[in-house]
Amino acid sequence: MVSIDDTKRILIARKLADMKELQNLLIKNEQQFLQDCTDDDICVDTKWLVVRHRLQHMLDSDRKNLGIIDTVIVEYGVKGEPKETTQKMISQVQKLMLDSELTLFEKVQEHELLKHKQTMAGLLIHKAAQVVGADVEAAITPLNTVNFENRAHQEQLKGILEILGARTDRKRAKTTTLGKSSRCCCSLNWCGG
């Protein structure tokens, strides 16, 4: 017979496995964003240098955070497998990120949502660990660093989106014919109008 605490421990292990899979996806996305940032129009823009710097810093931080997640999984001591739905979602996002019809702005926008998902997963694990017991809470404690940094990354991504949105607007203004609006109804081009 499995106790309630055992069930909670197994669910926490599964959620940690989900976090590890998502962390790998975040790293892969950021590597791709840095590769995608070779457009000559962008590279000479000083704002874009800030974007590249932030993305590189975020990538370095996420690599470190993957190590922390691995350490937490080992310290926790209960092996879990990622949920099938998590694996499907990651597969769908990977396809989306390879879609050449999406702009870098749209890809970064999706990435910010993934950061939010990762932050919420970490907070959920932390709260569950508090309920299960002190031993679990102690093993999970390093995850707070990952949660904090992911939350900071969300704010950085919002700034990156603002820069990318303004760039998209400038590009659109260059390619728009006379008589058509060169700006969408929102300053960040979220509506695509």
N, C-alpha and C. Protein backbone atom coordinates (compact mmCIF):
# COMPACT_ATOMS: atom_id res chain seq x y z
N MET A 1 0.83 -1.18 0.00
CA MET A 1 0.00 0.00 0.00
C MET A 1 0.88 1.26 0.00
N VAL A 2 0.53 2.23 -0.84
CA VAL A 2 1.29 3.46 -0.98
C VAL A 2 0.63 4.53 -0.11
N SER A 3 1.44 5.20 0.70
CA SER A 3 0.91 6.25 1.57
C SER A 3 0.74 7.55 0.78
N ILE A 4 0.01 8.48 1.39
CA ILE A 4 -0.20 9.77 0.75
C ILE A 4 1.12 10.49 0.56
N ASP A 5 2.01 10.41 1.58
CA ASP A 5 3.31 11.06 1.46
C ASP A 5 4.13 10.45 0.33
N ASP A 6 4.06 9.12 0.16
CA ASP A 6 4.79 8.47 -0.94
C ASP A 6 4.26 8.96 -2.29
N THR A 7 2.96 9.09 -2.40
CA THR A 7 2.35 9.58 -3.63
C THR A 7 2.83 11.00 -3.92
N LYS A 8 2.87 11.85 -2.90
CA LYS A 8 3.33 13.22 -3.07
C LYS A 8 4.80 13.25 -3.48
N ARG A 9 5.59 12.37 -2.89
CA ARG A 9 7.02 12.30 -3.23
C ARG A 9 7.21 11.90 -4.69
N ILE A 10 6.41 10.96 -5.15
CA ILE A 10 6.49 10.52 -6.55
C ILE A 10 6.07 11.65 -7.48
N LEU A 11 5.01 12.37 -7.12
CA LEU A 11 4.55 13.49 -7.95
C LEU A 11 5.60 14.61 -8.01
N ILE A 12 6.27 14.85 -6.89
CA ILE A 12 7.34 15.86 -6.88
C ILE A 12 8.47 15.41 -7.80
N ALA A 13 8.81 14.12 -7.75
CA ALA A 13 9.88 13.59 -8.61
C ALA A 13 9.51 13.75 -10.09
N ARG A 14 8.26 13.51 -10.40
CA ARG A 14 7.80 13.67 -11.79
C ARG A 14 7.88 15.13 -12.21
N LYS A 15 7.48 16.02 -11.31
CA LYS A 15 7.53 17.45 -11.63
C LYS A 15 8.97 17.93 -11.81
N LEU A 16 9.89 17.38 -11.01
CA LEU A 16 11.31 17.70 -11.19
C LEU A 16 11.82 17.22 -12.55
N ALA A 17 11.38 16.05 -12.96
CA ALA A 17 11.75 15.52 -14.28
C ALA A 17 11.19 16.42 -15.38
N ASP A 18 9.97 16.90 -15.19
CA ASP A 18 9.38 17.84 -16.15
C ASP A 18 10.22 19.11 -16.23
N MET A 19 10.63 19.61 -15.06
CA MET A 19 11.44 20.83 -15.03
C MET A 19 12.76 20.64 -15.77
N LYS A 20 13.36 19.47 -15.59
CA LYS A 20 14.64 19.21 -16.26
C LYS A 20 14.45 19.22 -17.78
N GLU A 21 13.39 18.59 -18.26
CA GLU A 21 13.11 18.57 -19.69
C GLU A 21 12.87 19.98 -20.22
N LEU A 22 12.11 20.76 -19.48
CA LEU A 22 11.81 22.13 -19.89
C LEU A 22 13.07 22.99 -19.85
N GLN A 23 13.93 22.76 -18.86
CA GLN A 23 15.17 23.52 -18.76
C GLN A 23 16.06 23.25 -19.98
N ASN A 24 16.10 22.01 -20.41
CA ASN A 24 16.86 21.67 -21.62
C ASN A 24 16.30 22.40 -22.85
N LEU A 25 14.97 22.50 -22.92
CA LEU A 25 14.34 23.21 -24.03
C LEU A 25 14.68 24.70 -23.97
N LEU A 26 14.64 25.29 -22.80
CA LEU A 26 14.98 26.71 -22.65
C LEU A 26 16.40 26.97 -23.16
N ILE A 27 17.31 26.10 -22.79
CA ILE A 27 18.71 26.24 -23.22
C ILE A 27 18.80 26.13 -24.74
N LYS A 28 18.13 25.15 -25.30
CA LYS A 28 18.16 24.95 -26.75
C LYS A 28 17.60 26.18 -27.48
N ASN A 29 16.50 26.73 -26.97
CA ASN A 29 15.90 27.92 -27.58
C ASN A 29 16.87 29.10 -27.54
N GLU A 30 17.49 29.32 -26.39
CA GLU A 30 18.39 30.47 -26.26
C GLU A 30 19.61 30.31 -27.17
N GLN A 31 20.11 29.11 -27.33
CA GLN A 31 21.20 28.88 -28.27
C GLN A 31 20.76 29.23 -29.68
N GLN A 32 19.53 28.85 -30.02
CA GLN A 32 19.01 29.14 -31.36
C GLN A 32 18.79 30.64 -31.56
N PHE A 33 18.30 31.32 -30.52
CA PHE A 33 18.10 32.77 -30.62
C PHE A 33 19.43 33.47 -30.91
N LEU A 34 20.48 33.05 -30.23
CA LEU A 34 21.79 33.66 -30.45
C LEU A 34 22.28 33.39 -31.88
N GLN A 35 22.00 32.22 -32.41
CA GLN A 35 22.38 31.91 -33.79
C GLN A 35 21.54 32.72 -34.78
N ASP A 36 20.26 32.92 -34.44
CA ASP A 36 19.36 33.67 -35.31
C ASP A 36 19.68 35.16 -35.35
N CYS A 37 20.47 35.61 -34.41
CA CYS A 37 20.77 37.04 -34.28
C CYS A 37 21.97 37.43 -35.12
N THR A 38 22.00 37.00 -36.36
CA THR A 38 23.12 37.33 -37.23
C THR A 38 22.72 38.32 -38.31
N ASP A 39 21.49 38.77 -38.28
CA ASP A 39 20.98 39.74 -39.26
C ASP A 39 21.83 41.01 -39.18
N ASP A 40 22.39 41.46 -40.32
CA ASP A 40 23.25 42.64 -40.34
C ASP A 40 22.52 43.89 -39.85
N ASP A 41 21.22 43.97 -40.12
CA ASP A 41 20.44 45.12 -39.64
C ASP A 41 20.47 45.21 -38.12
N ILE A 42 20.52 44.05 -37.50
CA ILE A 42 20.44 44.00 -36.05
C ILE A 42 21.81 44.21 -35.42
N CYS A 43 22.81 43.55 -35.96
CA CYS A 43 24.12 43.52 -35.32
C CYS A 43 24.74 44.89 -35.13
N VAL A 44 24.43 45.84 -36.01
CA VAL A 44 25.01 47.17 -35.88
C VAL A 44 24.22 48.04 -34.91
N ASP A 45 23.06 47.62 -34.52
CA ASP A 45 22.20 48.35 -33.60
C ASP A 45 22.70 48.14 -32.17
N THR A 46 22.97 49.24 -31.46
CA THR A 46 23.49 49.11 -30.09
C THR A 46 22.48 48.45 -29.17
N LYS A 47 21.19 48.68 -29.42
CA LYS A 47 20.18 48.01 -28.60
C LYS A 47 20.26 46.50 -28.78
N TRP A 48 20.58 46.09 -30.01
CA TRP A 48 20.66 44.65 -30.27
C TRP A 48 21.84 44.03 -29.54
N LEU A 49 22.92 44.80 -29.37
CA LEU A 49 24.05 44.28 -28.59
C LEU A 49 23.62 44.00 -27.16
N VAL A 50 22.74 44.83 -26.64
CA VAL A 50 22.18 44.60 -25.30
C VAL A 50 21.37 43.30 -25.30
N VAL A 51 20.58 43.09 -26.34
CA VAL A 51 19.77 41.87 -26.44
C VAL A 51 20.67 40.65 -26.47
N ARG A 52 21.70 40.69 -27.31
CA ARG A 52 22.64 39.56 -27.40
C ARG A 52 23.29 39.29 -26.05
N HIS A 53 23.70 40.35 -25.37
CA HIS A 53 24.33 40.21 -24.06
C HIS A 53 23.36 39.57 -23.06
N ARG A 54 22.13 40.04 -23.06
CA ARG A 54 21.13 39.48 -22.13
C ARG A 54 20.85 38.02 -22.44
N LEU A 55 20.73 37.70 -23.73
CA LEU A 55 20.48 36.30 -24.11
C LEU A 55 21.65 35.41 -23.72
N GLN A 56 22.88 35.89 -23.93
CA GLN A 56 24.05 35.09 -23.56
C GLN A 56 24.11 34.88 -22.06
N HIS A 57 23.84 35.94 -21.30
CA HIS A 57 23.82 35.83 -19.83
C HIS A 57 22.74 34.86 -19.39
N MET A 58 21.57 34.95 -20.02
CA MET A 58 20.46 34.05 -19.69
C MET A 58 20.84 32.60 -19.99
N LEU A 59 21.49 32.37 -21.12
CA LEU A 59 21.92 31.03 -21.50
C LEU A 59 22.92 30.48 -20.47
N ASP A 60 23.88 31.29 -20.09
CA ASP A 60 24.86 30.86 -19.09
C ASP A 60 24.17 30.53 -17.77
N SER A 61 23.24 31.37 -17.38
CA SER A 61 22.48 31.16 -16.15
C SER A 61 21.64 29.88 -16.22
N ASP A 62 21.01 29.65 -17.38
CA ASP A 62 20.18 28.46 -17.52
C ASP A 62 21.00 27.18 -17.54
N ARG A 63 22.20 27.24 -18.07
CA ARG A 63 23.08 26.07 -18.01
C ARG A 63 23.44 25.75 -16.56
N LYS A 64 23.73 26.80 -15.80
CA LYS A 64 24.02 26.61 -14.37
C LYS A 64 22.79 26.07 -13.66
N ASN A 65 21.62 26.61 -14.01
CA ASN A 65 20.37 26.15 -13.38
C ASN A 65 20.06 24.70 -13.70
N LEU A 66 20.43 24.23 -14.88
CA LEU A 66 20.26 22.82 -15.21
C LEU A 66 21.08 21.96 -14.26
N GLY A 67 22.28 22.40 -13.95
CA GLY A 67 23.11 21.69 -12.97
C GLY A 67 22.46 21.68 -11.59
N ILE A 68 21.84 22.78 -11.22
CA ILE A 68 21.15 22.84 -9.93
C ILE A 68 19.97 21.87 -9.91
N ILE A 69 19.20 21.84 -10.99
CA ILE A 69 18.07 20.92 -11.08
C ILE A 69 18.56 19.48 -10.99
N ASP A 70 19.65 19.16 -11.69
CA ASP A 70 20.23 17.81 -11.61
C ASP A 70 20.62 17.47 -10.17
N THR A 71 21.25 18.43 -9.50
CA THR A 71 21.66 18.22 -8.10
C THR A 71 20.45 17.99 -7.21
N VAL A 72 19.41 18.78 -7.40
CA VAL A 72 18.18 18.63 -6.60
C VAL A 72 17.59 17.24 -6.82
N ILE A 73 17.57 16.77 -8.06
CA ILE A 73 17.02 15.45 -8.37
C ILE A 73 17.82 14.37 -7.64
N VAL A 74 19.15 14.47 -7.66
CA VAL A 74 19.99 13.49 -6.97
C VAL A 74 19.77 13.56 -5.45
N GLU A 75 19.77 14.77 -4.91
CA GLU A 75 19.57 14.95 -3.47
C GLU A 75 18.19 14.48 -3.03
N TYR A 76 17.22 14.69 -3.86
CA TYR A 76 15.85 14.29 -3.55
C TYR A 76 15.76 12.77 -3.41
N GLY A 77 16.42 12.06 -4.31
CA GLY A 77 16.54 10.62 -4.17
C GLY A 77 15.39 9.78 -4.73
N VAL A 78 14.36 10.42 -5.23
CA VAL A 78 13.24 9.68 -5.82
C VAL A 78 13.28 9.95 -7.32
N LYS A 79 13.37 8.88 -8.09
CA LYS A 79 13.47 9.02 -9.55
C LYS A 79 12.08 9.19 -10.14
N GLY A 80 11.94 10.14 -11.03
CA GLY A 80 10.68 10.36 -11.72
C GLY A 80 10.90 10.52 -13.20
N GLU A 81 9.91 10.20 -13.96
CA GLU A 81 9.95 10.38 -15.42
C GLU A 81 9.03 11.54 -15.78
N PRO A 82 9.42 12.32 -16.81
CA PRO A 82 8.53 13.41 -17.22
C PRO A 82 7.21 12.87 -17.75
N LYS A 83 6.17 13.66 -17.53
CA LYS A 83 4.85 13.26 -18.01
C LYS A 83 4.84 13.24 -19.54
N GLU A 84 4.00 12.40 -20.09
CA GLU A 84 3.88 12.31 -21.55
C GLU A 84 3.40 13.64 -22.12
N THR A 85 2.50 14.31 -21.41
CA THR A 85 2.01 15.60 -21.91
C THR A 85 3.13 16.64 -21.96
N THR A 86 4.05 16.57 -21.02
CA THR A 86 5.20 17.48 -21.03
C THR A 86 6.07 17.19 -22.24
N GLN A 87 6.32 15.93 -22.51
CA GLN A 87 7.13 15.56 -23.67
C GLN A 87 6.47 16.00 -24.97
N LYS A 88 5.16 15.86 -25.07
CA LYS A 88 4.44 16.31 -26.26
C LYS A 88 4.53 17.82 -26.42
N MET A 89 4.34 18.53 -25.32
CA MET A 89 4.41 19.99 -25.36
C MET A 89 5.79 20.44 -25.81
N ILE A 90 6.83 19.82 -25.30
CA ILE A 90 8.19 20.18 -25.67
C ILE A 90 8.42 19.91 -27.16
N SER A 91 7.93 18.80 -27.64
CA SER A 91 8.05 18.47 -29.06
C SER A 91 7.35 19.52 -29.93
N GLN A 92 6.16 19.94 -29.51
CA GLN A 92 5.41 20.96 -30.25
C GLN A 92 6.15 22.29 -30.25
N VAL A 93 6.72 22.67 -29.12
CA VAL A 93 7.44 23.93 -29.03
C VAL A 93 8.70 23.88 -29.90
N GLN A 94 9.38 22.74 -29.91
CA GLN A 94 10.57 22.61 -30.76
C GLN A 94 10.20 22.81 -32.23
N LYS A 95 9.09 22.24 -32.65
CA LYS A 95 8.63 22.43 -34.04
C LYS A 95 8.29 23.89 -34.29
N LEU A 96 7.63 24.52 -33.33
CA LEU A 96 7.25 25.92 -33.44
C LEU A 96 8.49 26.80 -33.58
N MET A 97 9.53 26.52 -32.82
CA MET A 97 10.74 27.33 -32.85
C MET A 97 11.50 27.16 -34.17
N LEU A 98 11.28 26.06 -34.85
CA LEU A 98 11.93 25.83 -36.14
C LEU A 98 11.13 26.42 -37.30
N ASP A 99 9.91 26.86 -37.02
CA ASP A 99 9.02 27.41 -38.04
C ASP A 99 9.58 28.71 -38.58
N SER A 100 9.91 28.70 -39.87
CA SER A 100 10.52 29.89 -40.47
C SER A 100 9.52 31.03 -40.66
N GLU A 101 8.24 30.75 -40.53
CA GLU A 101 7.24 31.80 -40.68
C GLU A 101 7.13 32.67 -39.43
N LEU A 102 7.60 32.17 -38.30
CA LEU A 102 7.55 32.96 -37.07
C LEU A 102 8.73 33.92 -37.02
N THR A 103 8.46 35.12 -36.57
CA THR A 103 9.53 36.09 -36.40
C THR A 103 10.27 35.78 -35.10
N LEU A 104 11.45 36.36 -34.97
CA LEU A 104 12.20 36.20 -33.73
C LEU A 104 11.39 36.74 -32.55
N PHE A 105 10.67 37.82 -32.79
CA PHE A 105 9.79 38.38 -31.75
C PHE A 105 8.79 37.33 -31.26
N GLU A 106 8.14 36.63 -32.18
CA GLU A 106 7.14 35.63 -31.82
C GLU A 106 7.76 34.45 -31.09
N LYS A 107 8.96 34.07 -31.50
CA LYS A 107 9.65 32.97 -30.83
C LYS A 107 10.05 33.35 -29.40
N VAL A 108 10.55 34.56 -29.23
CA VAL A 108 10.93 35.02 -27.90
C VAL A 108 9.69 35.17 -27.01
N GLN A 109 8.59 35.57 -27.62
CA GLN A 109 7.34 35.68 -26.88
C GLN A 109 6.93 34.30 -26.33
N GLU A 110 7.03 33.28 -27.14
CA GLU A 110 6.73 31.91 -26.68
C GLU A 110 7.71 31.48 -25.60
N HIS A 111 8.95 31.87 -25.77
CA HIS A 111 9.99 31.52 -24.80
C HIS A 111 9.68 32.13 -23.42
N GLU A 112 9.19 33.36 -23.44
CA GLU A 112 8.83 34.01 -22.17
C GLU A 112 7.73 33.23 -21.47
N LEU A 113 6.79 32.70 -22.23
CA LEU A 113 5.73 31.87 -21.63
C LEU A 113 6.30 30.59 -21.03
N LEU A 114 7.31 30.02 -21.68
CA LEU A 114 7.96 28.83 -21.14
C LEU A 114 8.69 29.16 -19.83
N LYS A 115 9.30 30.32 -19.78
CA LYS A 115 9.96 30.75 -18.53
C LYS A 115 8.94 30.87 -17.41
N HIS A 116 7.78 31.39 -17.74
CA HIS A 116 6.71 31.50 -16.75
C HIS A 116 6.30 30.10 -16.27
N LYS A 117 6.14 29.20 -17.20
CA LYS A 117 5.77 27.82 -16.86
C LYS A 117 6.82 27.20 -15.94
N GLN A 118 8.09 27.42 -16.25
CA GLN A 118 9.17 26.86 -15.45
C GLN A 118 9.18 27.46 -14.04
N THR A 119 8.97 28.77 -13.97
CA THR A 119 8.91 29.43 -12.67
C THR A 119 7.78 28.87 -11.82
N MET A 120 6.61 28.73 -12.42
CA MET A 120 5.45 28.22 -11.68
C MET A 120 5.67 26.77 -11.23
N ALA A 121 6.29 25.96 -12.08
CA ALA A 121 6.58 24.58 -11.71
C ALA A 121 7.52 24.54 -10.50
N GLY A 122 8.53 25.39 -10.51
CA GLY A 122 9.46 25.44 -9.38
C GLY A 122 8.78 25.88 -8.09
N LEU A 123 7.91 26.87 -8.20
CA LEU A 123 7.19 27.34 -7.01
C LEU A 123 6.24 26.27 -6.49
N LEU A 124 5.59 25.56 -7.38
CA LEU A 124 4.69 24.47 -7.00
C LEU A 124 5.45 23.36 -6.27
N ILE A 125 6.61 23.00 -6.80
CA ILE A 125 7.44 21.98 -6.14
C ILE A 125 7.85 22.45 -4.75
N HIS A 126 8.26 23.70 -4.65
CA HIS A 126 8.67 24.25 -3.35
C HIS A 126 7.53 24.17 -2.33
N LYS A 127 6.34 24.55 -2.74
CA LYS A 127 5.19 24.50 -1.82
C LYS A 127 4.84 23.06 -1.44
N ALA A 128 4.89 22.16 -2.42
CA ALA A 128 4.59 20.75 -2.13
C ALA A 128 5.63 20.17 -1.17
N ALA A 129 6.88 20.56 -1.33
CA ALA A 129 7.95 20.06 -0.45
C ALA A 129 7.73 20.52 0.98
N GLN A 130 7.22 21.72 1.16
CA GLN A 130 6.94 22.21 2.51
C GLN A 130 5.89 21.36 3.21
N VAL A 131 4.95 20.84 2.44
CA VAL A 131 3.87 20.04 3.00
C VAL A 131 4.34 18.62 3.32
N VAL A 132 5.18 18.06 2.46
CA VAL A 132 5.57 16.65 2.61
C VAL A 132 6.49 16.43 3.80
N GLY A 133 7.48 17.29 3.98
CA GLY A 133 8.35 17.09 5.13
C GLY A 133 9.65 17.86 5.03
N ALA A 134 10.33 17.96 6.17
CA ALA A 134 11.57 18.74 6.26
C ALA A 134 12.68 18.15 5.38
N ASP A 135 12.73 16.81 5.28
CA ASP A 135 13.78 16.20 4.46
C ASP A 135 13.61 16.57 2.98
N VAL A 136 12.37 16.58 2.53
CA VAL A 136 12.09 16.94 1.14
C VAL A 136 12.37 18.42 0.94
N GLU A 137 11.93 19.23 1.87
CA GLU A 137 12.15 20.67 1.75
C GLU A 137 13.64 20.99 1.68
N ALA A 138 14.45 20.29 2.47
CA ALA A 138 15.90 20.52 2.46
C ALA A 138 16.50 20.16 1.11
N ALA A 139 16.04 19.06 0.53
CA ALA A 139 16.57 18.63 -0.77
C ALA A 139 16.17 19.59 -1.89
N ILE A 140 15.00 20.19 -1.76
CA ILE A 140 14.46 21.06 -2.80
C ILE A 140 14.96 22.50 -2.68
N THR A 141 15.48 22.89 -1.55
CA THR A 141 15.86 24.28 -1.29
C THR A 141 16.70 24.93 -2.39
N PRO A 142 17.70 24.26 -2.98
CA PRO A 142 18.47 24.92 -4.06
C PRO A 142 17.61 25.34 -5.26
N LEU A 143 16.44 24.74 -5.39
CA LEU A 143 15.55 25.09 -6.49
C LEU A 143 15.08 26.54 -6.40
N ASN A 144 15.13 27.11 -5.19
CA ASN A 144 14.73 28.51 -5.04
C ASN A 144 15.58 29.44 -5.90
N THR A 145 16.85 29.11 -6.05
CA THR A 145 17.74 29.91 -6.90
C THR A 145 17.25 29.89 -8.35
N VAL A 146 16.87 28.70 -8.82
CA VAL A 146 16.36 28.56 -10.19
C VAL A 146 15.08 29.36 -10.34
N ASN A 147 14.18 29.26 -9.37
CA ASN A 147 12.92 29.99 -9.43
C ASN A 147 13.17 31.50 -9.49
N PHE A 148 14.06 31.98 -8.65
CA PHE A 148 14.37 33.41 -8.61
C PHE A 148 14.94 33.88 -9.94
N GLU A 149 15.89 33.12 -10.49
CA GLU A 149 16.51 33.53 -11.75
C GLU A 149 15.53 33.45 -12.91
N ASN A 150 14.67 32.44 -12.93
CA ASN A 150 13.68 32.35 -14.00
C ASN A 150 12.72 33.53 -13.95
N ARG A 151 12.38 33.95 -12.76
CA ARG A 151 11.50 35.12 -12.63
C ARG A 151 12.20 36.37 -13.16
N ALA A 152 13.48 36.51 -12.85
CA ALA A 152 14.26 37.65 -13.36
C ALA A 152 14.37 37.57 -14.89
N HIS A 153 14.53 36.36 -15.42
CA HIS A 153 14.61 36.19 -16.87
C HIS A 153 13.31 36.62 -17.55
N GLN A 154 12.18 36.36 -16.91
CA GLN A 154 10.91 36.79 -17.49
C GLN A 154 10.91 38.31 -17.70
N GLU A 155 11.40 39.04 -16.72
CA GLU A 155 11.44 40.50 -16.85
C GLU A 155 12.42 40.93 -17.93
N GLN A 156 13.56 40.25 -18.02
CA GLN A 156 14.53 40.57 -19.07
C GLN A 156 13.94 40.29 -20.45
N LEU A 157 13.19 39.20 -20.56
CA LEU A 157 12.58 38.86 -21.85
C LEU A 157 11.54 39.90 -22.27
N LYS A 158 10.86 40.50 -21.31
CA LYS A 158 9.92 41.56 -21.64
C LYS A 158 10.66 42.75 -22.27
N GLY A 159 11.83 43.08 -21.73
CA GLY A 159 12.64 44.14 -22.32
C GLY A 159 13.13 43.78 -23.71
N ILE A 160 13.53 42.54 -23.88
CA ILE A 160 13.97 42.06 -25.20
C ILE A 160 12.81 42.14 -26.19
N LEU A 161 11.63 41.75 -25.75
CA LEU A 161 10.45 41.82 -26.63
C LEU A 161 10.16 43.26 -27.05
N GLU A 162 10.37 44.19 -26.15
CA GLU A 162 10.14 45.60 -26.49
C GLU A 162 11.10 46.04 -27.59
N ILE A 163 12.36 45.65 -27.48
CA ILE A 163 13.36 46.00 -28.50
C ILE A 163 13.02 45.32 -29.82
N LEU A 164 12.70 44.04 -29.77
CA LEU A 164 12.37 43.30 -30.99
C LEU A 164 11.09 43.85 -31.64
N GLY A 165 10.13 44.23 -30.82
CA GLY A 165 8.88 44.79 -31.34
C GLY A 165 9.13 46.10 -32.06
N ALA A 166 9.98 46.94 -31.49
CA ALA A 166 10.31 48.22 -32.13
C ALA A 166 11.05 47.98 -33.44
N ARG A 167 11.92 46.99 -33.45
CA ARG A 167 12.66 46.65 -34.67
C ARG A 167 11.71 46.16 -35.75
N THR A 168 10.76 45.32 -35.36
CA THR A 168 9.77 44.82 -36.30
C THR A 168 8.97 45.96 -36.89
N ASP A 169 8.62 46.93 -36.04
CA ASP A 169 7.88 48.11 -36.53
C ASP A 169 8.71 48.90 -37.54
N ARG A 170 10.01 49.07 -37.27
CA ARG A 170 10.89 49.81 -38.19
C ARG A 170 10.99 49.07 -39.52
N LYS A 171 11.15 47.75 -39.46
CA LYS A 171 11.23 46.95 -40.69
C LYS A 171 9.95 47.07 -41.49
N ARG A 172 8.81 47.01 -40.79
CA ARG A 172 7.53 47.11 -41.45
C ARG A 172 7.38 48.47 -42.10
N ALA A 173 7.85 49.50 -41.42
CA ALA A 173 7.74 50.86 -41.97
C ALA A 173 8.55 50.99 -43.26
N LYS A 174 9.68 50.30 -43.34
CA LYS A 174 10.51 50.35 -44.54
C LYS A 174 9.85 49.63 -45.71
N THR A 175 9.11 48.58 -45.43
CA THR A 175 8.55 47.77 -46.51
C THR A 175 7.10 48.10 -46.83
N THR A 176 6.49 49.01 -46.08
CA THR A 176 5.09 49.35 -46.29
C THR A 176 4.96 50.34 -47.44
N THR A 177 3.98 50.13 -48.27
CA THR A 177 3.74 51.05 -49.38
C THR A 177 2.99 52.27 -48.88
N LEU A 178 3.02 53.33 -49.66
CA LEU A 178 2.31 54.55 -49.28
C LEU A 178 0.82 54.28 -49.14
N GLY A 179 0.21 54.94 -48.17
CA GLY A 179 -1.22 54.79 -47.97
C GLY A 179 -1.58 53.69 -46.98
N LYS A 180 -0.63 52.84 -46.65
CA LYS A 180 -0.89 51.80 -45.65
C LYS A 180 -0.24 52.20 -44.35
N SER A 181 -0.84 51.77 -43.27
CA SER A 181 -0.30 52.07 -41.96
C SER A 181 1.00 51.30 -41.75
N SER A 182 2.00 51.96 -41.18
CA SER A 182 3.27 51.30 -40.92
C SER A 182 3.36 50.79 -39.50
N ARG A 183 2.33 50.98 -38.71
CA ARG A 183 2.35 50.50 -37.32
C ARG A 183 1.08 49.73 -37.04
N CYS A 184 1.21 48.77 -36.20
CA CYS A 184 0.02 48.04 -35.79
C CYS A 184 -0.67 48.83 -34.67
N CYS A 185 -1.74 48.31 -34.18
CA CYS A 185 -2.51 49.04 -33.16
C CYS A 185 -1.83 49.04 -31.80
N CYS A 186 -0.82 48.19 -31.62
CA CYS A 186 -0.10 48.18 -30.35
C CYS A 186 1.38 48.42 -30.62
N SER A 187 2.09 48.96 -29.68
CA SER A 187 3.48 49.35 -29.92
C SER A 187 4.42 48.16 -30.08
N LEU A 188 4.03 46.99 -29.63
CA LEU A 188 4.92 45.83 -29.70
C LEU A 188 4.59 44.88 -30.83
N ASN A 189 3.65 45.23 -31.67
CA ASN A 189 3.29 44.42 -32.83
C ASN A 189 2.74 43.06 -32.42
N TRP A 190 2.07 42.97 -31.30
CA TRP A 190 1.51 41.70 -30.86
C TRP A 190 0.36 41.26 -31.74
N CYS A 191 -0.36 42.23 -32.25
CA CYS A 191 -1.55 41.86 -33.05
C CYS A 191 -1.18 41.50 -34.48
N GLY A 192 0.05 41.82 -34.89
CA GLY A 192 0.49 41.48 -36.24
C GLY A 192 -0.12 42.36 -37.31
N GLY A 193 -0.81 43.42 -36.90
CA GLY A 193 -1.54 44.28 -37.83
C GLY A 193 -0.72 45.25 -38.58
